[in-house]
Amino acid sequence: MRWLAAGHQDFSEDTYRTLAAADNAVLLVDGAKGIEPQTRKLFAVARLRGLPVFTFVNKLDRPALNGFEIIEQLEKEFGLQSYPVTWPIGSGDRFCGVYHRPTNKVLLYTKAGRGKAAASAQYDLDDAALADAVEADLLEQLLEEVELLQILGDEPSAEEIASGRVTPMYFGSAFNNFGVDLFLQSFISLAVSPRPAKATGNPAVLAPLDDAEQDSSGSNNGSSGDASSTTSSSSSSSSSSSS
């Protein structure tokens, strides 16, 4: 599976080239800065390619914008409807975990050092033990925001995600490995599988096959053991930047 992570301006030129072979796009948003100029340009190319877009709001370990502000930015800038799969609990030094909507559970994280998996503890949202695990004002804010999230709409269909009309949204801190596990699990289950592709140009650029070419490729592969001139999509992932 080939995917693209777009965001930081230092990598934007490489990112443009990577888009030619990507099957999915991961939009990395700085939780404090929101949408940046290079992100606008890269998103325009991703939309032109018809790629499904997954949004990860990063750097919640620093003081960050409210999640609803990020949702509003995506709607105004790109006309893109968001569906938050996870939701942050606090930000900056008080960022302690995320709420996972599909399971109605709260995951609280403990720092384990950079590059190491963060330890986590799970609670049901209505678990009385949360009152001892989360600061009172953060828990109150979370419960209020969970109610507001219900107004944003139902869980999108696979077709809405694949077409790029709705972006699944996740919150976390890559630095502390908070919320990254839930994002990766969800991405693997929702991302579009690679289409067969043919190599063209010099250097080779993968381009999707049309329906006739796919039918021809399938019949050739089924009738003989000869190598086909068609190149299948690779299973390697390509990430060009980090916000």
C-alpha atoms as a PDB file:
ATOM      1  CA  MET A   1       0.000   0.000   0.000  1.00  0.00           C
ATOM      2  CA  ARG A   2       1.412   3.380  -0.982  1.00  0.00           C
ATOM      3  CA  TRP A   3       0.400   6.382   1.072  1.00  0.00           C
ATOM      4  CA  LEU A   4       1.389  10.000   1.324  1.00  0.00           C
ATOM      5  CA  ALA A   5       1.803  12.119   4.441  1.00  0.00           C
ATOM      6  CA  ALA A   6       1.654  15.790   3.537  1.00  0.00           C
ATOM      7  CA  GLY A   7       2.457  18.822   5.598  1.00  0.00           C
ATOM      8  CA  HIS A   8       5.943  20.191   6.180  1.00  0.00           C
ATOM      9  CA  GLN A   9       7.195  22.647   3.554  1.00  0.00           C
ATOM     10  CA  ASP A  10      10.736  21.215   3.540  1.00  0.00           C
ATOM     11  CA  PHE A  11       9.380  18.080   1.865  1.00  0.00           C
ATOM     12  CA  SER A  12       6.664  19.561  -0.344  1.00  0.00           C
ATOM     13  CA  GLU A  13       8.475  19.073  -3.683  1.00  0.00           C
ATOM     14  CA  ASP A  14       9.150  15.399  -2.956  1.00  0.00           C
ATOM     15  CA  THR A  15       5.554  15.088  -1.854  1.00  0.00           C
ATOM     16  CA  TYR A  16       4.239  16.350  -5.197  1.00  0.00           C
ATOM     17  CA  ARG A  17       6.197  13.625  -6.966  1.00  0.00           C
ATOM     18  CA  THR A  18       5.038  10.981  -4.529  1.00  0.00           C
ATOM     19  CA  LEU A  19       1.413  11.831  -5.249  1.00  0.00           C
ATOM     20  CA  ALA A  20       1.755  10.212  -8.672  1.00  0.00           C
ATOM     21  CA  ALA A  21       2.060   6.803  -7.008  1.00  0.00           C
ATOM     22  CA  ALA A  22       0.043   7.245  -3.804  1.00  0.00           C
ATOM     23  CA  ASP A  23      -3.185   5.349  -3.132  1.00  0.00           C
ATOM     24  CA  ASN A  24      -4.121   7.269   0.024  1.00  0.00           C
ATOM     25  CA  ALA A  25      -3.184  10.642   1.518  1.00  0.00           C
ATOM     26  CA  VAL A  26      -2.580  11.368   5.195  1.00  0.00           C
ATOM     27  CA  LEU A  27      -3.035  15.054   5.953  1.00  0.00           C
ATOM     28  CA  LEU A  28      -0.838  16.000   8.905  1.00  0.00           C
ATOM     29  CA  VAL A  29      -2.087  19.116  10.665  1.00  0.00           C
ATOM     30  CA  ASP A  30      -0.118  20.985  13.313  1.00  0.00           C
ATOM     31  CA  GLY A  31      -2.485  21.196  16.269  1.00  0.00           C
ATOM     32  CA  ALA A  32      -1.245  24.681  17.170  1.00  0.00           C
ATOM     33  CA  LYS A  33      -0.896  26.220  13.694  1.00  0.00           C
ATOM     34  CA  GLY A  34      -3.779  24.540  11.915  1.00  0.00           C
ATOM     35  CA  ILE A  35      -3.765  24.383   8.122  1.00  0.00           C
ATOM     36  CA  GLU A  36      -0.603  25.857   6.560  1.00  0.00           C
ATOM     37  CA  PRO A  37       0.047  27.191   3.004  1.00  0.00           C
ATOM     38  CA  GLN A  38       1.919  24.117   1.762  1.00  0.00           C
ATOM     39  CA  THR A  39      -0.884  21.908   3.069  1.00  0.00           C
ATOM     40  CA  ARG A  40      -3.379  23.787   0.896  1.00  0.00           C
ATOM     41  CA  LYS A  41      -1.296  23.167  -2.232  1.00  0.00           C
ATOM     42  CA  LEU A  42      -0.751  19.504  -1.497  1.00  0.00           C
ATOM     43  CA  PHE A  43      -4.388  18.897  -0.679  1.00  0.00           C
ATOM     44  CA  ALA A  44      -5.396  20.413  -4.020  1.00  0.00           C
ATOM     45  CA  VAL A  45      -3.214  17.835  -5.808  1.00  0.00           C
ATOM     46  CA  ALA A  46      -4.572  14.993  -3.655  1.00  0.00           C
ATOM     47  CA  ARG A  47      -8.128  16.019  -4.515  1.00  0.00           C
ATOM     48  CA  LEU A  48      -7.239  16.237  -8.203  1.00  0.00           C
ATOM     49  CA  ARG A  49      -5.976  12.644  -7.982  1.00  0.00           C
ATOM     50  CA  GLY A  50      -9.177  11.581  -6.234  1.00  0.00           C
ATOM     51  CA  LEU A  51      -7.309  10.155  -3.240  1.00  0.00           C
ATOM     52  CA  PRO A  52      -9.001   9.280   0.054  1.00  0.00           C
ATOM     53  CA  VAL A  53      -7.699  11.634   2.747  1.00  0.00           C
ATOM     54  CA  PHE A  54      -7.050  10.733   6.383  1.00  0.00           C
ATOM     55  CA  THR A  55      -6.358  13.617   8.785  1.00  0.00           C
ATOM     56  CA  PHE A  56      -4.032  13.322  11.783  1.00  0.00           C
ATOM     57  CA  VAL A  57      -3.878  16.382  14.034  1.00  0.00           C
ATOM     58  CA  ASN A  58      -0.414  16.203  15.541  1.00  0.00           C
ATOM     59  CA  LYS A  59       1.565  17.904  18.313  1.00  0.00           C
ATOM     60  CA  LEU A  60      -1.179  17.837  20.923  1.00  0.00           C
ATOM     61  CA  ASP A  61       1.662  17.695  23.464  1.00  0.00           C
ATOM     62  CA  ARG A  62       1.906  21.460  22.821  1.00  0.00           C
ATOM     63  CA  PRO A  63      -0.828  24.068  23.403  1.00  0.00           C
ATOM     64  CA  ALA A  64      -3.245  23.458  20.536  1.00  0.00           C
ATOM     65  CA  LEU A  65      -6.352  24.757  18.847  1.00  0.00           C
ATOM     66  CA  ASN A  66      -9.692  23.329  19.871  1.00  0.00           C
ATOM     67  CA  GLY A  67     -10.600  20.300  17.767  1.00  0.00           C
ATOM     68  CA  PHE A  68     -13.747  22.008  16.478  1.00  0.00           C
ATOM     69  CA  GLU A  69     -11.603  24.864  15.143  1.00  0.00           C
ATOM     70  CA  ILE A  70      -9.603  22.372  13.064  1.00  0.00           C
ATOM     71  CA  ILE A  71     -12.821  20.822  11.756  1.00  0.00           C
ATOM     72  CA  GLU A  72     -14.074  24.267  10.772  1.00  0.00           C
ATOM     73  CA  GLN A  73     -10.798  25.062   8.976  1.00  0.00           C
ATOM     74  CA  LEU A  74     -11.052  21.884   6.884  1.00  0.00           C
ATOM     75  CA  GLU A  75     -14.635  22.683   5.979  1.00  0.00           C
ATOM     76  CA  LYS A  76     -13.923  26.303   5.020  1.00  0.00           C
ATOM     77  CA  GLU A  77     -10.615  25.721   3.241  1.00  0.00           C
ATOM     78  CA  PHE A  78     -11.362  22.495   1.400  1.00  0.00           C
ATOM     79  CA  GLY A  79     -15.096  21.925   1.629  1.00  0.00           C
ATOM     80  CA  LEU A  80     -14.118  18.686   3.350  1.00  0.00           C
ATOM     81  CA  GLN A  81     -16.407  17.024   5.844  1.00  0.00           C
ATOM     82  CA  SER A  82     -14.611  15.542   8.848  1.00  0.00           C
ATOM     83  CA  TYR A  83     -15.508  12.578  10.990  1.00  0.00           C
ATOM     84  CA  PRO A  84     -13.446  12.545  14.201  1.00  0.00           C
ATOM     85  CA  VAL A  85     -12.624   8.925  15.042  1.00  0.00           C
ATOM     86  CA  THR A  86     -10.645   9.985  18.104  1.00  0.00           C
ATOM     87  CA  TRP A  87     -10.903  13.136  20.201  1.00  0.00           C
ATOM     88  CA  PRO A  88      -8.230  14.711  22.428  1.00  0.00           C
ATOM     89  CA  ILE A  89      -8.381  15.094  26.183  1.00  0.00           C
ATOM     90  CA  GLY A  90      -6.502  18.306  26.977  1.00  0.00           C
ATOM     91  CA  SER A  91      -3.484  19.716  25.145  1.00  0.00           C
ATOM     92  CA  GLY A  92       0.057  20.768  25.952  1.00  0.00           C
ATOM     93  CA  ASP A  93       1.284  19.440  29.277  1.00  0.00           C
ATOM     94  CA  ARG A  94      -2.288  18.386  30.099  1.00  0.00           C
ATOM     95  CA  PHE A  95      -2.750  16.203  27.031  1.00  0.00           C
ATOM     96  CA  CYS A  96      -3.357  12.823  28.635  1.00  0.00           C
ATOM     97  CA  GLY A  97      -5.280  10.707  26.149  1.00  0.00           C
ATOM     98  CA  VAL A  98      -8.028  10.386  23.567  1.00  0.00           C
ATOM     99  CA  TYR A  99     -11.640   9.325  23.347  1.00  0.00           C
ATOM    100  CA  HIS A 100     -12.232   6.569  20.758  1.00  0.00           C
ATOM    101  CA  ARG A 101     -15.704   7.029  19.272  1.00  0.00           C
ATOM    102  CA  PRO A 102     -16.184   3.584  17.638  1.00  0.00           C
ATOM    103  CA  THR A 103     -15.745   1.806  20.988  1.00  0.00           C
ATOM    104  CA  ASN A 104     -16.936   4.603  23.296  1.00  0.00           C
ATOM    105  CA  LYS A 105     -13.749   4.175  25.302  1.00  0.00           C
ATOM    106  CA  VAL A 106     -11.224   6.576  26.782  1.00  0.00           C
ATOM    107  CA  LEU A 107      -7.530   5.743  26.390  1.00  0.00           C
ATOM    108  CA  LEU A 108      -5.192   7.438  28.842  1.00  0.00           C
ATOM    109  CA  TYR A 109      -1.490   7.357  28.013  1.00  0.00           C
ATOM    110  CA  THR A 110       1.700   7.382  30.054  1.00  0.00           C
ATOM    111  CA  LYS A 111       4.926   8.665  28.520  1.00  0.00           C
ATOM    112  CA  ALA A 112       7.462   5.948  27.772  1.00  0.00           C
ATOM    113  CA  GLY A 113      10.262   7.920  26.141  1.00  0.00           C
ATOM    114  CA  ARG A 114      10.695   8.982  22.523  1.00  0.00           C
ATOM    115  CA  GLY A 115      10.470   6.152  20.021  1.00  0.00           C
ATOM    116  CA  LYS A 116       8.856   3.774  22.512  1.00  0.00           C
ATOM    117  CA  ALA A 117       5.232   2.721  22.637  1.00  0.00           C
ATOM    118  CA  ALA A 118       3.301   4.693  25.231  1.00  0.00           C
ATOM    119  CA  ALA A 119       1.564   2.690  27.944  1.00  0.00           C
ATOM    120  CA  SER A 120      -2.201   3.105  27.949  1.00  0.00           C
ATOM    121  CA  ALA A 121      -5.169   2.331  30.165  1.00  0.00           C
ATOM    122  CA  GLN A 122      -8.728   1.971  28.838  1.00  0.00           C
ATOM    123  CA  TYR A 123     -11.966   3.091  30.445  1.00  0.00           C
ATOM    124  CA  ASP A 124     -15.568   3.129  29.310  1.00  0.00           C
ATOM    125  CA  LEU A 125     -16.778   6.700  28.945  1.00  0.00           C
ATOM    126  CA  ASP A 126     -19.308   6.192  31.746  1.00  0.00           C
ATOM    127  CA  ASP A 127     -16.812   4.464  34.065  1.00  0.00           C
ATOM    128  CA  ALA A 128     -16.886   6.137  37.490  1.00  0.00           C
ATOM    129  CA  ALA A 129     -13.140   5.463  37.795  1.00  0.00           C
ATOM    130  CA  LEU A 130     -12.481   8.159  35.161  1.00  0.00           C
ATOM    131  CA  ALA A 131     -13.161  10.799  37.798  1.00  0.00           C
ATOM    132  CA  ASP A 132     -10.008   9.680  39.602  1.00  0.00           C
ATOM    133  CA  ALA A 133      -7.940   9.248  36.431  1.00  0.00           C
ATOM    134  CA  VAL A 134      -8.707  12.539  34.642  1.00  0.00           C
ATOM    135  CA  GLU A 135      -8.672  16.072  36.053  1.00  0.00           C
ATOM    136  CA  ALA A 136     -12.215  17.262  36.770  1.00  0.00           C
ATOM    137  CA  ASP A 137     -12.303  20.150  34.313  1.00  0.00           C
ATOM    138  CA  LEU A 138     -10.852  18.041  31.491  1.00  0.00           C
ATOM    139  CA  LEU A 139     -13.398  15.288  32.082  1.00  0.00           C
ATOM    140  CA  GLU A 140     -16.247  17.793  32.133  1.00  0.00           C
ATOM    141  CA  GLN A 141     -15.018  19.336  28.878  1.00  0.00           C
ATOM    142  CA  LEU A 142     -14.691  15.893  27.272  1.00  0.00           C
ATOM    143  CA  LEU A 143     -18.254  14.905  28.153  1.00  0.00           C
ATOM    144  CA  GLU A 144     -19.588  18.171  26.735  1.00  0.00           C
ATOM    145  CA  GLU A 145     -17.600  17.791  23.518  1.00  0.00           C
ATOM    146  CA  VAL A 146     -18.667  14.162  23.043  1.00  0.00           C
ATOM    147  CA  GLU A 147     -22.274  15.371  23.014  1.00  0.00           C
ATOM    148  CA  LEU A 148     -21.400  18.003  20.405  1.00  0.00           C
ATOM    149  CA  LEU A 149     -19.668  15.390  18.236  1.00  0.00           C
ATOM    150  CA  GLN A 150     -22.962  13.552  17.819  1.00  0.00           C
ATOM    151  CA  ILE A 151     -24.290  16.583  15.912  1.00  0.00           C
ATOM    152  CA  LEU A 152     -21.553  16.298  13.284  1.00  0.00           C
ATOM    153  CA  GLY A 153     -23.236  13.320  11.649  1.00  0.00           C
ATOM    154  CA  ASP A 154     -23.159   9.556  11.502  1.00  0.00           C
ATOM    155  CA  GLU A 155     -20.124   7.416  10.788  1.00  0.00           C
ATOM    156  CA  PRO A 156     -19.275   7.690   7.067  1.00  0.00           C
ATOM    157  CA  SER A 157     -19.547   4.790   4.667  1.00  0.00           C
ATOM    158  CA  ALA A 158     -16.485   3.166   3.096  1.00  0.00           C
ATOM    159  CA  GLU A 159     -17.505   4.715  -0.239  1.00  0.00           C
ATOM    160  CA  GLU A 160     -17.609   8.236   1.234  1.00  0.00           C
ATOM    161  CA  ILE A 161     -14.090   7.784   2.619  1.00  0.00           C
ATOM    162  CA  ALA A 162     -12.699   6.179  -0.557  1.00  0.00           C
ATOM    163  CA  SER A 163     -14.075   8.997  -2.718  1.00  0.00           C
ATOM    164  CA  GLY A 164     -12.451  11.652  -0.521  1.00  0.00           C
ATOM    165  CA  ARG A 165     -15.777  13.284   0.412  1.00  0.00           C
ATOM    166  CA  VAL A 166     -15.249  12.610   4.122  1.00  0.00           C
ATOM    167  CA  THR A 167     -11.940  12.522   5.985  1.00  0.00           C
ATOM    168  CA  PRO A 168     -11.575  10.362   9.100  1.00  0.00           C
ATOM    169  CA  MET A 169      -9.857  12.544  11.721  1.00  0.00           C
ATOM    170  CA  TYR A 170      -7.511  11.535  14.521  1.00  0.00           C
ATOM    171  CA  PHE A 171      -5.702  13.444  17.264  1.00  0.00           C
ATOM    172  CA  GLY A 172      -2.437  12.685  19.016  1.00  0.00           C
ATOM    173  CA  SER A 173       1.235  13.345  19.573  1.00  0.00           C
ATOM    174  CA  ALA A 174       3.752  11.534  17.387  1.00  0.00           C
ATOM    175  CA  PHE A 175       6.509  12.742  19.725  1.00  0.00           C
ATOM    176  CA  ASN A 176       4.966  10.960  22.727  1.00  0.00           C
ATOM    177  CA  ASN A 177       3.261   8.179  20.741  1.00  0.00           C
ATOM    178  CA  PHE A 178      -0.122   9.240  22.109  1.00  0.00           C
ATOM    179  CA  GLY A 179      -3.027   8.318  19.835  1.00  0.00           C
ATOM    180  CA  VAL A 180      -0.783   7.009  17.043  1.00  0.00           C
ATOM    181  CA  ASP A 181      -1.730   3.369  17.658  1.00  0.00           C
ATOM    182  CA  LEU A 182      -5.439   4.045  17.136  1.00  0.00           C
ATOM    183  CA  PHE A 183      -4.739   6.014  13.975  1.00  0.00           C
ATOM    184  CA  LEU A 184      -2.634   3.224  12.440  1.00  0.00           C
ATOM    185  CA  GLN A 185      -5.170   0.534  13.310  1.00  0.00           C
ATOM    186  CA  SER A 186      -7.976   2.532  11.741  1.00  0.00           C
ATOM    187  CA  PHE A 187      -5.936   3.524   8.688  1.00  0.00           C
ATOM    188  CA  ILE A 188      -5.082  -0.098   7.910  1.00  0.00           C
ATOM    189  CA  SER A 189      -8.748  -1.092   8.006  1.00  0.00           C
ATOM    190  CA  LEU A 190     -10.111   1.893   6.031  1.00  0.00           C
ATOM    191  CA  ALA A 191      -7.388   2.714   3.490  1.00  0.00           C
ATOM    192  CA  VAL A 192      -7.978   1.923  -0.173  1.00  0.00           C
ATOM    193  CA  SER A 193      -6.030  -1.057  -1.514  1.00  0.00           C
ATOM    194  CA  PRO A 194      -3.612  -0.413  -4.399  1.00  0.00           C
ATOM    195  CA  ARG A 195      -4.849  -0.741  -7.950  1.00  0.00           C
ATOM    196  CA  PRO A 196      -2.736  -2.506 -10.593  1.00  0.00           C
ATOM    197  CA  ALA A 197      -0.464   0.039 -12.261  1.00  0.00           C
ATOM    198  CA  LYS A 198       1.790   0.301 -15.285  1.00  0.00           C
ATOM    199  CA  ALA A 199       5.267   1.858 -15.401  1.00  0.00           C
ATOM    200  CA  THR A 200       5.599   4.808 -17.767  1.00  0.00           C
ATOM    201  CA  GLY A 201       8.190   7.471 -18.494  1.00  0.00           C
ATOM    202  CA  ASN A 202      11.760   7.780 -17.326  1.00  0.00           C
ATOM    203  CA  PRO A 203      12.093   7.570 -14.365  1.00  0.00           C
ATOM    204  CA  ALA A 204       9.147   5.174 -14.107  1.00  0.00           C
ATOM    205  CA  VAL A 205       5.921   6.621 -12.727  1.00  0.00           C
ATOM    206  CA  LEU A 206       3.113   4.284 -11.776  1.00  0.00           C
ATOM    207  CA  ALA A 207      -0.180   5.056 -13.467  1.00  0.00           C
ATOM    208  CA  PRO A 208      -3.479   3.234 -12.786  1.00  0.00           C
ATOM    209  CA  LEU A 209      -4.569   0.757 -15.436  1.00  0.00           C
ATOM    210  CA  ASP A 210      -7.841   1.315 -17.252  1.00  0.00           C
ATOM    211  CA  ASP A 211     -10.529  -1.408 -17.079  1.00  0.00           C
ATOM    212  CA  ALA A 212      -9.468  -3.089 -20.335  1.00  0.00           C
ATOM    213  CA  GLU A 213      -5.839  -3.299 -19.209  1.00  0.00           C
ATOM    214  CA  GLN A 214      -6.868  -4.741 -15.844  1.00  0.00           C
ATOM    215  CA  ASP A 215      -8.985  -7.434 -17.562  1.00  0.00           C
ATOM    216  CA  SER A 216      -6.097  -8.280 -19.892  1.00  0.00           C
ATOM    217  CA  SER A 217      -3.639  -8.409 -17.003  1.00  0.00           C
ATOM    218  CA  GLY A 218      -5.918 -10.679 -15.010  1.00  0.00           C
ATOM    219  CA  SER A 219      -6.421 -13.163 -17.876  1.00  0.00           C
ATOM    220  CA  ASN A 220      -2.697 -13.273 -18.670  1.00  0.00           C
ATOM    221  CA  ASN A 221      -1.794 -13.966 -15.055  1.00  0.00           C
ATOM    222  CA  GLY A 222      -4.367 -16.704 -14.823  1.00  0.00           C
ATOM    223  CA  SER A 223      -3.397 -18.519 -18.045  1.00  0.00           C
ATOM    224  CA  SER A 224       0.384 -18.673 -17.832  1.00  0.00           C
ATOM    225  CA  GLY A 225       3.324 -18.254 -15.528  1.00  0.00           C
ATOM    226  CA  ASP A 226       5.039 -15.704 -17.780  1.00  0.00           C
ATOM    227  CA  ALA A 227       5.963 -12.358 -16.279  1.00  0.00           C
ATOM    228  CA  SER A 228       3.446  -9.676 -17.149  1.00  0.00           C
ATOM    229  CA  SER A 229       4.386  -6.271 -18.451  1.00  0.00           C
ATOM    230  CA  THR A 230       2.005  -4.833 -15.882  1.00  0.00           C
ATOM    231  CA  THR A 231       3.489  -3.762 -12.566  1.00  0.00           C
ATOM    232  CA  SER A 232       1.298  -4.338  -9.509  1.00  0.00           C
ATOM    233  CA  SER A 233       1.109  -1.784  -6.750  1.00  0.00           C
ATOM    234  CA  SER A 234       3.814  -2.304  -4.164  1.00  0.00           C
ATOM    235  CA  SER A 235       3.093  -3.039  -0.524  1.00  0.00           C
ATOM    236  CA  SER A 236       5.610  -0.552   0.742  1.00  0.00           C
ATOM    237  CA  SER A 237       4.501   2.731   2.295  1.00  0.00           C
ATOM    238  CA  SER A 238       5.983   6.056   1.347  1.00  0.00           C
ATOM    239  CA  SER A 239       5.829   8.929   3.828  1.00  0.00           C
ATOM    240  CA  SER A 240       7.277  12.160   2.613  1.00  0.00           C
ATOM    241  CA  SER A 241       6.915  14.400   5.625  1.00  0.00           C
ATOM    242  CA  SER A 242       5.782  14.993   9.143  1.00  0.00           C
ATOM    243  CA  SER A 243       3.986  18.028  10.431  1.00  0.00           C
END
